[in-house]
N, C-alpha and C. Protein backbone atom coordinates (compact mmCIF):
# COMPACT_ATOMS: atom_id res chain seq x y z
N MET A 1 94.52 91.33 69.47
CA MET A 1 92.87 91.08 69.92
C MET A 1 92.56 90.16 70.81
N GLN A 2 93.05 88.94 70.60
CA GLN A 2 92.81 87.88 71.31
C GLN A 2 93.65 87.94 72.90
N GLU A 3 94.66 88.85 72.82
CA GLU A 3 94.97 89.43 74.48
C GLU A 3 94.17 90.24 74.81
N ILE A 4 93.67 90.96 74.16
CA ILE A 4 92.34 92.01 74.89
C ILE A 4 90.90 91.13 75.51
N ASN A 5 90.88 90.16 74.80
CA ASN A 5 89.48 89.41 75.12
C ASN A 5 89.84 88.42 76.11
N GLN A 6 91.38 88.01 76.49
CA GLN A 6 91.88 87.10 77.86
C GLN A 6 91.79 87.85 78.43
N LEU A 7 92.11 89.39 78.78
CA LEU A 7 92.23 90.40 79.63
C LEU A 7 90.69 90.76 80.28
N ALA A 8 89.66 90.58 79.30
CA ALA A 8 88.61 91.01 79.75
C ALA A 8 87.82 89.42 80.29
N LYS A 9 88.17 88.69 79.85
CA LYS A 9 88.14 87.06 80.56
C LYS A 9 88.03 87.23 81.82
N TYR A 10 89.57 87.64 81.98
CA TYR A 10 90.18 87.37 83.50
C TYR A 10 89.48 88.48 84.27
N THR A 11 89.14 89.47 84.02
CA THR A 11 88.55 90.49 84.92
C THR A 11 87.24 89.99 85.27
N THR A 12 86.87 89.79 84.60
CA THR A 12 85.19 89.62 84.54
C THR A 12 84.82 88.42 84.79
N THR A 13 85.75 87.62 85.37
CA THR A 13 85.42 85.78 85.78
C THR A 13 86.27 85.39 87.13
N ASN A 14 87.33 86.41 87.28
CA ASN A 14 88.16 86.09 88.13
C ASN A 14 87.64 85.95 89.92
N SER A 15 87.21 84.99 90.42
CA SER A 15 86.21 85.48 91.77
C SER A 15 87.40 86.11 92.92
N ALA A 16 88.71 86.32 92.44
CA ALA A 16 89.15 87.23 93.56
C ALA A 16 88.64 88.71 93.25
N LEU A 17 88.24 89.09 92.30
CA LEU A 17 87.93 90.40 92.33
C LEU A 17 86.68 90.37 93.10
N ASN A 18 85.70 89.84 92.85
CA ASN A 18 84.55 89.60 93.86
C ASN A 18 84.62 89.54 95.24
N SER A 19 85.93 89.70 95.97
CA SER A 19 86.22 89.61 97.10
C SER A 19 86.88 91.00 97.47
N LEU A 20 87.28 91.83 96.47
CA LEU A 20 87.50 92.98 97.19
C LEU A 20 86.45 93.62 97.79
N THR A 21 86.93 94.52 98.95
CA THR A 21 86.03 95.10 99.77
C THR A 21 85.77 97.06 98.82
N HIS A 22 87.04 97.18 98.35
CA HIS A 22 86.74 98.70 98.29
C HIS A 22 86.30 99.41 96.79
N LEU A 23 87.27 98.35 96.27
CA LEU A 23 86.63 98.60 94.24
C LEU A 23 85.57 98.78 94.17
N GLY A 24 84.82 100.16 93.46
CA GLY A 24 83.52 100.22 92.92
C GLY A 24 82.65 99.98 93.89
N LYS A 25 83.12 100.51 95.30
CA LYS A 25 82.17 100.68 96.64
C LYS A 25 82.52 101.90 97.06
N THR A 26 81.42 102.76 98.09
CA THR A 26 81.70 103.96 98.12
C THR A 26 82.60 103.85 99.07
N THR A 27 83.43 104.70 98.95
CA THR A 27 84.88 105.27 99.78
C THR A 27 84.76 105.58 100.93
N HIS A 28 85.40 104.67 101.95
CA HIS A 28 85.24 105.01 103.28
C HIS A 28 86.86 105.36 103.83
N TYR A 29 86.99 106.65 104.23
CA TYR A 29 88.32 107.06 104.71
C TYR A 29 88.70 106.49 106.20
N THR A 30 90.13 105.76 106.37
CA THR A 30 90.22 105.47 107.75
C THR A 30 91.37 106.55 108.20
N PHE A 31 91.12 107.37 109.01
CA PHE A 31 92.35 108.13 109.44
C PHE A 31 93.01 107.92 110.63
N GLU A 32 93.56 106.47 110.56
CA GLU A 32 94.26 105.86 111.27
C GLU A 32 94.88 104.46 110.69
N TYR A 33 96.31 104.69 110.81
CA TYR A 33 97.13 103.21 110.14
C TYR A 33 96.59 102.37 110.08
N ASN A 34 96.71 101.41 109.23
CA ASN A 34 95.63 100.40 108.97
C ASN A 34 95.70 99.41 108.36
N PRO A 35 96.79 98.31 108.33
CA PRO A 35 97.84 97.73 107.36
C PRO A 35 96.17 96.92 106.46
N ARG A 36 95.33 96.41 107.41
CA ARG A 36 94.23 95.50 106.61
C ARG A 36 93.26 96.28 105.53
N LEU A 37 93.50 97.34 105.14
CA LEU A 37 93.20 98.06 104.32
C LEU A 37 93.76 97.77 103.08
N LEU A 38 95.30 96.99 102.66
CA LEU A 38 95.36 96.43 101.49
C LEU A 38 94.97 95.52 100.90
N GLU A 39 94.67 95.21 99.82
CA GLU A 39 94.06 94.00 99.17
C GLU A 39 94.92 93.59 97.75
N SER A 40 94.44 92.70 97.29
CA SER A 40 95.47 91.85 96.14
C SER A 40 94.59 91.41 95.45
N VAL A 41 95.08 91.28 94.13
CA VAL A 41 94.42 90.33 93.13
C VAL A 41 95.74 89.50 92.40
N PRO A 42 94.98 88.33 91.80
CA PRO A 42 95.92 87.29 91.32
C PRO A 42 96.80 88.47 90.16
N ASN A 43 97.96 88.51 90.20
CA ASN A 43 98.93 88.68 88.81
C ASN A 43 98.53 87.97 87.75
N PRO A 44 98.27 89.03 86.68
CA PRO A 44 97.79 88.26 85.24
C PRO A 44 98.93 87.61 84.45
N HIS A 45 99.96 87.79 84.95
CA HIS A 45 100.74 87.63 84.34
C HIS A 45 102.24 87.33 84.83
N PRO A 46 101.98 85.81 86.04
CA PRO A 46 102.91 85.95 86.69
C PRO A 46 104.16 85.05 86.29
N GLN A 47 104.51 84.75 84.84
CA GLN A 47 105.47 84.22 84.14
C GLN A 47 106.53 85.01 83.96
N ASN A 48 105.72 86.26 83.95
CA ASN A 48 107.12 87.54 83.63
C ASN A 48 107.25 87.98 84.67
N ASP A 49 108.85 88.79 84.20
CA ASP A 49 109.48 89.85 85.54
C ASP A 49 108.99 91.41 85.07
N TYR A 50 108.18 91.68 85.77
CA TYR A 50 108.06 93.29 85.29
C TYR A 50 107.97 94.20 86.23
N PHE A 51 108.13 95.20 86.22
CA PHE A 51 108.01 96.33 87.29
C PHE A 51 106.48 97.06 87.35
N ILE A 52 105.82 97.30 88.51
CA ILE A 52 104.83 98.11 89.02
C ILE A 52 105.26 98.82 89.25
N LYS A 53 104.81 100.30 89.12
CA LYS A 53 105.21 101.62 89.96
C LYS A 53 104.13 102.40 90.35
N PHE A 54 104.40 103.01 91.47
CA PHE A 54 102.83 103.81 92.12
C PHE A 54 103.94 105.17 92.68
N ASN A 55 103.13 106.47 92.36
CA ASN A 55 103.87 107.49 92.76
C ASN A 55 102.45 108.02 93.97
N CYS A 56 102.92 108.47 94.95
CA CYS A 56 102.01 109.17 95.88
C CYS A 56 102.32 110.20 96.12
N PRO A 57 102.25 111.14 95.53
CA PRO A 57 102.39 112.97 95.70
C PRO A 57 101.96 113.35 96.95
N GLU A 58 100.97 113.04 97.51
CA GLU A 58 100.08 113.50 98.45
C GLU A 58 100.37 112.92 99.81
N PHE A 59 101.56 112.08 100.25
CA PHE A 59 101.30 111.59 101.21
C PHE A 59 101.67 112.28 102.77
N THR A 60 100.68 112.04 103.48
CA THR A 60 100.99 113.14 105.01
C THR A 60 100.81 111.87 106.17
N SER A 61 101.66 112.32 107.11
CA SER A 61 101.65 111.61 108.37
C SER A 61 101.96 112.71 109.45
N LEU A 62 102.25 112.35 111.01
CA LEU A 62 102.42 113.53 111.64
C LEU A 62 103.83 112.75 112.44
N CYS A 63 104.56 113.74 112.97
CA CYS A 63 105.48 113.90 113.37
C CYS A 63 105.18 113.29 114.75
N PRO A 64 105.80 112.19 115.16
CA PRO A 64 105.27 111.45 116.46
C PRO A 64 105.74 112.38 117.76
N ILE A 65 106.31 113.32 117.51
CA ILE A 65 106.88 114.20 118.80
C ILE A 65 106.44 115.47 119.00
N THR A 66 106.37 116.28 117.95
CA THR A 66 105.47 117.55 117.66
C THR A 66 104.05 117.56 117.27
N GLY A 67 103.34 116.64 116.45
CA GLY A 67 102.27 116.39 115.94
C GLY A 67 101.97 117.14 114.52
N GLN A 68 103.23 117.68 114.32
CA GLN A 68 103.51 118.80 113.26
C GLN A 68 103.19 117.76 111.61
N PRO A 69 102.39 118.06 111.15
CA PRO A 69 102.48 117.33 109.44
C PRO A 69 103.69 117.12 108.82
N ASP A 70 103.93 116.03 108.33
CA ASP A 70 104.67 116.01 107.60
C ASP A 70 104.25 115.28 105.95
N PHE A 71 105.00 115.93 105.26
CA PHE A 71 104.14 115.55 103.49
C PHE A 71 105.73 115.05 102.67
N ALA A 72 105.29 114.35 101.77
CA ALA A 72 106.14 113.71 100.92
C ALA A 72 105.44 112.93 99.73
N THR A 73 106.18 112.61 98.74
CA THR A 73 105.94 111.77 97.80
C THR A 73 106.61 110.52 97.83
N ILE A 74 105.73 109.50 98.06
CA ILE A 74 106.06 108.12 98.14
C ILE A 74 106.28 107.47 96.73
N TYR A 75 107.30 106.92 96.72
CA TYR A 75 107.38 106.09 95.65
C TYR A 75 107.69 104.25 96.07
N ILE A 76 106.84 103.74 95.14
CA ILE A 76 106.56 102.26 95.79
C ILE A 76 107.06 101.41 93.92
N SER A 77 108.14 100.89 94.19
CA SER A 77 108.17 99.71 92.97
C SER A 77 108.26 98.40 93.24
N TYR A 78 107.84 97.66 92.30
CA TYR A 78 107.78 96.07 93.10
C TYR A 78 107.60 94.98 91.77
N ILE A 79 108.25 94.22 91.51
CA ILE A 79 108.38 93.03 90.49
C ILE A 79 107.23 91.95 91.18
N PRO A 80 105.90 91.97 90.40
CA PRO A 80 105.22 91.21 91.52
C PRO A 80 105.79 89.37 91.32
N ASN A 81 104.86 88.57 91.97
CA ASN A 81 104.92 87.04 91.96
C ASN A 81 103.50 86.42 91.77
N LYS A 82 102.69 86.27 92.47
CA LYS A 82 101.67 85.55 92.50
C LYS A 82 100.33 86.65 92.53
N LYS A 83 100.60 87.83 93.14
CA LYS A 83 99.69 88.73 93.47
C LYS A 83 100.46 90.34 93.37
N ILE A 84 99.00 90.80 92.92
CA ILE A 84 99.65 92.44 92.66
C ILE A 84 98.71 93.28 93.67
N VAL A 85 98.93 94.26 94.02
CA VAL A 85 97.97 95.27 94.88
C VAL A 85 97.20 95.88 93.89
N GLU A 86 96.00 96.24 94.78
CA GLU A 86 94.79 96.62 94.23
C GLU A 86 94.82 98.13 94.66
N SER A 87 94.87 98.94 93.41
CA SER A 87 95.26 100.03 93.81
C SER A 87 94.45 101.05 94.53
N LYS A 88 93.08 101.00 94.54
CA LYS A 88 92.33 101.76 95.42
C LYS A 88 92.50 101.26 96.96
N SER A 89 92.74 100.21 97.41
CA SER A 89 92.99 99.63 98.61
C SER A 89 94.46 100.15 98.98
N LEU A 90 95.45 100.22 97.98
CA LEU A 90 96.66 101.34 98.28
C LEU A 90 96.80 102.26 98.50
N LYS A 91 95.40 103.19 97.74
CA LYS A 91 95.28 104.79 98.01
C LYS A 91 94.93 104.73 99.72
N LEU A 92 93.81 104.02 99.68
CA LEU A 92 93.31 103.89 101.17
C LEU A 92 94.14 103.86 101.98
N TYR A 93 94.99 102.58 101.95
CA TYR A 93 96.30 102.51 102.67
C TYR A 93 97.40 103.44 103.28
N LEU A 94 97.77 104.28 102.07
CA LEU A 94 98.66 105.30 102.10
C LEU A 94 97.53 106.36 102.88
N PHE A 95 96.58 106.33 102.52
CA PHE A 95 95.84 107.85 103.42
C PHE A 95 95.73 107.84 104.90
N SER A 96 95.55 106.17 105.14
CA SER A 96 95.38 106.19 106.76
C SER A 96 96.57 106.26 107.48
N PHE A 97 97.98 106.87 107.03
CA PHE A 97 98.80 107.21 107.54
C PHE A 97 98.84 109.14 108.00
N ARG A 98 97.52 109.25 107.98
CA ARG A 98 97.31 110.50 107.78
C ARG A 98 96.89 111.35 108.97
N ASN A 99 96.97 110.40 110.06
CA ASN A 99 97.04 110.81 111.79
C ASN A 99 97.75 109.76 112.86
N HIS A 100 98.57 108.75 111.60
CA HIS A 100 99.78 108.10 111.70
C HIS A 100 101.49 108.91 112.69
N GLY A 101 101.55 108.61 113.69
CA GLY A 101 102.45 109.22 114.04
C GLY A 101 103.64 108.61 114.00
N GLY A 102 104.40 108.73 113.16
CA GLY A 102 105.85 107.99 112.72
C GLY A 102 106.61 109.07 111.82
N PHE A 103 108.35 108.42 112.25
CA PHE A 103 109.45 109.05 112.17
C PHE A 103 109.46 109.06 110.35
N HIS A 104 109.83 109.47 109.24
CA HIS A 104 109.81 109.36 108.22
C HIS A 104 110.35 107.63 107.51
N GLU A 105 111.54 107.47 108.23
CA GLU A 105 111.94 106.53 108.07
C GLU A 105 111.05 105.10 108.44
N ASP A 106 110.61 105.30 110.03
CA ASP A 106 109.43 104.28 109.96
C ASP A 106 108.07 104.07 109.06
N CYS A 107 107.82 105.16 108.65
CA CYS A 107 106.69 105.05 107.79
C CYS A 107 106.99 104.46 106.26
N VAL A 108 108.42 104.51 105.72
CA VAL A 108 108.77 103.99 104.82
C VAL A 108 109.20 102.17 104.90
N ASN A 109 109.52 102.08 106.22
CA ASN A 109 109.68 100.80 106.47
C ASN A 109 108.50 100.15 106.37
N THR A 110 107.67 100.48 107.19
CA THR A 110 106.15 99.83 107.85
C THR A 110 105.35 99.68 106.03
N ILE A 111 105.53 100.66 105.21
CA ILE A 111 104.67 100.79 104.00
C ILE A 111 105.75 99.24 103.28
N ALA A 112 107.05 99.33 103.60
CA ALA A 112 107.75 98.18 102.73
C ALA A 112 107.23 97.02 103.23
N LYS A 113 106.89 96.57 104.62
CA LYS A 113 107.31 95.52 105.24
C LYS A 113 105.37 94.72 105.06
N ASP A 114 104.58 95.99 105.22
CA ASP A 114 102.86 95.60 104.94
C ASP A 114 103.00 95.09 103.44
N LEU A 115 103.59 95.58 102.56
CA LEU A 115 103.19 95.16 101.09
C LEU A 115 103.96 93.74 101.04
N ILE A 116 104.99 93.65 101.51
CA ILE A 116 105.68 92.25 101.42
C ILE A 116 104.70 91.38 102.12
N ILE A 117 104.18 91.28 103.66
CA ILE A 117 103.22 90.83 104.05
C ILE A 117 101.94 90.35 102.88
N CYS A 118 101.55 91.32 102.16
CA CYS A 118 100.28 91.16 101.33
C CYS A 118 100.56 90.51 100.05
N LEU A 119 102.12 90.81 99.48
CA LEU A 119 102.00 90.05 98.33
C LEU A 119 103.08 89.37 98.11
N SER A 120 103.78 89.13 98.68
CA SER A 120 105.04 88.19 98.59
C SER A 120 105.58 88.62 97.38
N PRO A 121 106.29 89.84 96.95
CA PRO A 121 106.58 90.23 96.27
C PRO A 121 108.06 89.42 95.47
N ARG A 122 108.51 89.27 93.90
CA ARG A 122 109.93 88.95 93.99
C ARG A 122 110.75 89.87 94.75
N TYR A 123 110.65 91.40 94.28
CA TYR A 123 111.10 92.49 94.54
C TYR A 123 110.32 93.78 94.95
N LEU A 124 110.82 94.79 96.00
CA LEU A 124 110.00 95.54 96.30
C LEU A 124 110.83 96.78 96.79
N GLU A 125 110.81 98.12 96.51
CA GLU A 125 111.26 98.94 97.00
C GLU A 125 110.25 100.18 97.26
N VAL A 126 110.50 101.18 98.21
CA VAL A 126 109.89 102.06 98.66
C VAL A 126 110.73 103.34 99.24
N TRP A 127 110.47 104.20 98.93
CA TRP A 127 111.21 105.63 98.58
C TRP A 127 110.67 106.93 98.92
N GLY A 128 110.76 107.56 100.01
CA GLY A 128 110.04 108.72 100.75
C GLY A 128 110.72 109.86 100.62
N LYS A 129 110.12 110.84 99.66
CA LYS A 129 110.62 112.05 99.36
C LYS A 129 109.75 112.95 100.31
N PHE A 130 110.71 113.14 101.43
CA PHE A 130 110.01 114.17 102.42
C PHE A 130 110.29 115.63 102.25
N THR A 131 109.44 116.34 102.21
CA THR A 131 109.36 117.64 101.88
C THR A 131 110.11 118.07 103.33
N PRO A 132 111.22 119.39 103.35
CA PRO A 132 112.08 119.99 104.29
C PRO A 132 110.78 120.37 105.48
N ARG A 133 111.39 120.50 106.73
CA ARG A 133 110.89 120.79 107.75
C ARG A 133 111.85 121.04 108.71
N GLY A 134 112.33 122.80 108.93
CA GLY A 134 113.61 123.17 109.98
C GLY A 134 114.76 123.06 108.73
N GLY A 135 114.42 123.43 107.38
CA GLY A 135 115.65 123.01 106.70
C GLY A 135 116.37 122.25 106.00
N LEU A 136 115.58 120.71 106.49
CA LEU A 136 116.12 119.32 105.95
C LEU A 136 115.25 118.56 105.59
N SER A 137 115.51 118.00 104.61
CA SER A 137 114.58 117.12 104.11
C SER A 137 114.98 115.24 103.92
N ILE A 138 114.31 114.50 104.32
CA ILE A 138 114.62 113.33 104.78
C ILE A 138 114.28 112.24 103.75
N ASP A 139 115.11 111.26 102.87
CA ASP A 139 114.56 110.85 102.10
C ASP A 139 114.69 109.29 102.23
N PRO A 140 114.30 108.58 102.91
CA PRO A 140 114.52 106.96 103.29
C PRO A 140 114.03 106.13 102.46
N TYR A 141 114.76 105.04 102.00
CA TYR A 141 114.84 104.01 101.06
C TYR A 141 114.88 102.60 101.39
N VAL A 142 114.04 101.72 101.12
CA VAL A 142 114.25 100.93 102.01
C VAL A 142 113.98 99.68 100.56
N ASN A 143 114.32 98.26 100.58
CA ASN A 143 113.78 97.33 99.40
C ASN A 143 114.01 96.06 100.14
N TYR A 144 113.43 94.96 99.11
CA TYR A 144 113.63 93.59 99.70
C TYR A 144 113.33 92.90 98.25
N GLY A 145 114.34 91.88 98.42
CA GLY A 145 114.39 91.14 97.35
C GLY A 145 114.02 89.55 97.99
N ALA A 146 113.06 88.81 97.52
CA ALA A 146 112.73 87.46 97.68
C ALA A 146 114.08 86.37 98.07
N ASN A 147 114.08 85.93 99.31
CA ASN A 147 114.97 84.93 99.56
C ASN A 147 115.38 84.02 98.48
N ASN A 148 116.55 83.57 98.36
CA ASN A 148 117.23 82.46 97.51
C ASN A 148 116.36 82.62 95.90
N THR A 149 116.39 84.10 95.80
CA THR A 149 116.00 84.23 94.28
C THR A 149 117.64 85.15 93.55
N PRO A 150 117.53 85.26 92.35
CA PRO A 150 117.99 86.30 91.80
C PRO A 150 117.98 87.97 92.30
N PHE A 151 116.21 88.27 92.70
CA PHE A 151 115.84 89.10 93.25
C PHE A 151 116.95 89.95 94.46
N GLN A 152 117.28 88.91 95.45
CA GLN A 152 118.14 89.25 96.63
C GLN A 152 119.01 89.67 96.56
N GLU A 153 120.05 89.72 95.45
CA GLU A 153 121.36 90.17 95.00
C GLU A 153 120.84 91.29 94.09
N MET A 154 119.72 91.41 93.74
CA MET A 154 119.64 92.77 92.72
C MET A 154 119.07 93.79 94.13
N ALA A 155 118.60 93.37 95.27
CA ALA A 155 118.31 94.23 96.03
C ALA A 155 119.60 94.73 96.94
N LYS A 156 120.25 93.97 97.11
CA LYS A 156 121.71 94.58 97.72
C LYS A 156 122.10 95.38 96.65
N GLN A 157 122.22 95.17 95.45
CA GLN A 157 122.84 95.94 94.41
C GLN A 157 122.09 97.48 94.49
N ARG A 158 120.94 97.40 94.54
CA ARG A 158 120.31 98.43 94.14
C ARG A 158 120.08 99.37 95.47
N LEU A 159 120.42 98.74 96.43
CA LEU A 159 120.36 99.25 97.96
C LEU A 159 121.91 100.37 97.77
N TRP A 160 122.43 99.36 97.64
CA TRP A 160 124.37 99.98 97.48
C TRP A 160 124.30 101.24 96.88
N GLN A 161 123.80 100.82 95.48
CA GLN A 161 123.84 101.84 94.51
C GLN A 161 122.78 102.74 94.24
N HIS A 162 121.97 103.09 95.45
CA HIS A 162 120.26 103.55 95.03
C HIS A 162 120.09 105.20 94.79
N ASP A 163 121.46 105.80 95.73
CA ASP A 163 121.33 107.07 95.23
C ASP A 163 122.95 107.38 94.20
N MET A 164 123.31 106.51 93.55
CA MET A 164 124.18 107.16 93.06
C MET A 164 124.09 108.43 92.28
N TYR A 165 123.26 108.03 91.30
CA TYR A 165 122.64 108.83 90.27
C TYR A 165 121.45 109.70 90.67
N PRO A 166 121.16 110.52 91.63
CA PRO A 166 119.93 110.92 92.01
C PRO A 166 119.19 112.09 91.09
N GLU A 167 117.88 111.70 91.19
CA GLU A 167 116.96 112.45 90.20
C GLU A 167 116.67 113.57 90.56
N ILE A 168 116.06 114.44 89.81
CA ILE A 168 115.74 115.82 89.73
C ILE A 168 114.51 115.52 90.79
N ILE A 169 114.92 116.35 92.14
CA ILE A 169 113.37 116.51 93.08
C ILE A 169 112.73 117.64 92.68
N THR A 170 111.30 117.26 92.56
CA THR A 170 110.50 118.35 92.07
C THR A 170 109.39 118.99 93.16
N ASN A 171 109.17 117.74 94.64
CA ASN A 171 108.56 118.29 95.16
C ASN A 171 109.01 118.98 96.30
N ARG A 172 109.57 119.80 95.93
CA ARG A 172 110.30 120.78 97.13
C ARG A 172 110.45 122.46 96.86
């Protein structure tokens, strides 16, 4: 019960929540890529190493050559440091790729770089599972571990072994 009271106190008194521009406000969708949509709040448990995972099964972008839409499920997993991403801002940010012309690999790397800039996480990975077009699907994966930490080695290991045991693909 004490933990619940502490969390309630945290969420209602933290001045960082007052600076959020999306949460609790009327939603205005941006149809052009915009990394400034990402917002963060303080990590309520910075002393703990824990994963936060987001699954975005409705990600869309455009082929930069043909202008045809590309569809994907984007998986974002990270171990926060001092900040966590505010989920509505993440939704709006991912939606901003709707008219973005970028190859699959570019989209996944851009998402990772923008989240690293916004959050400075201990560890982060982004995996795009794109639906096939022309009989070929592309599933780019990128990860990051903070320099000079055990997470830097973790990133190497997970990159080298990321697809050794592929999960069942359900978005195709």
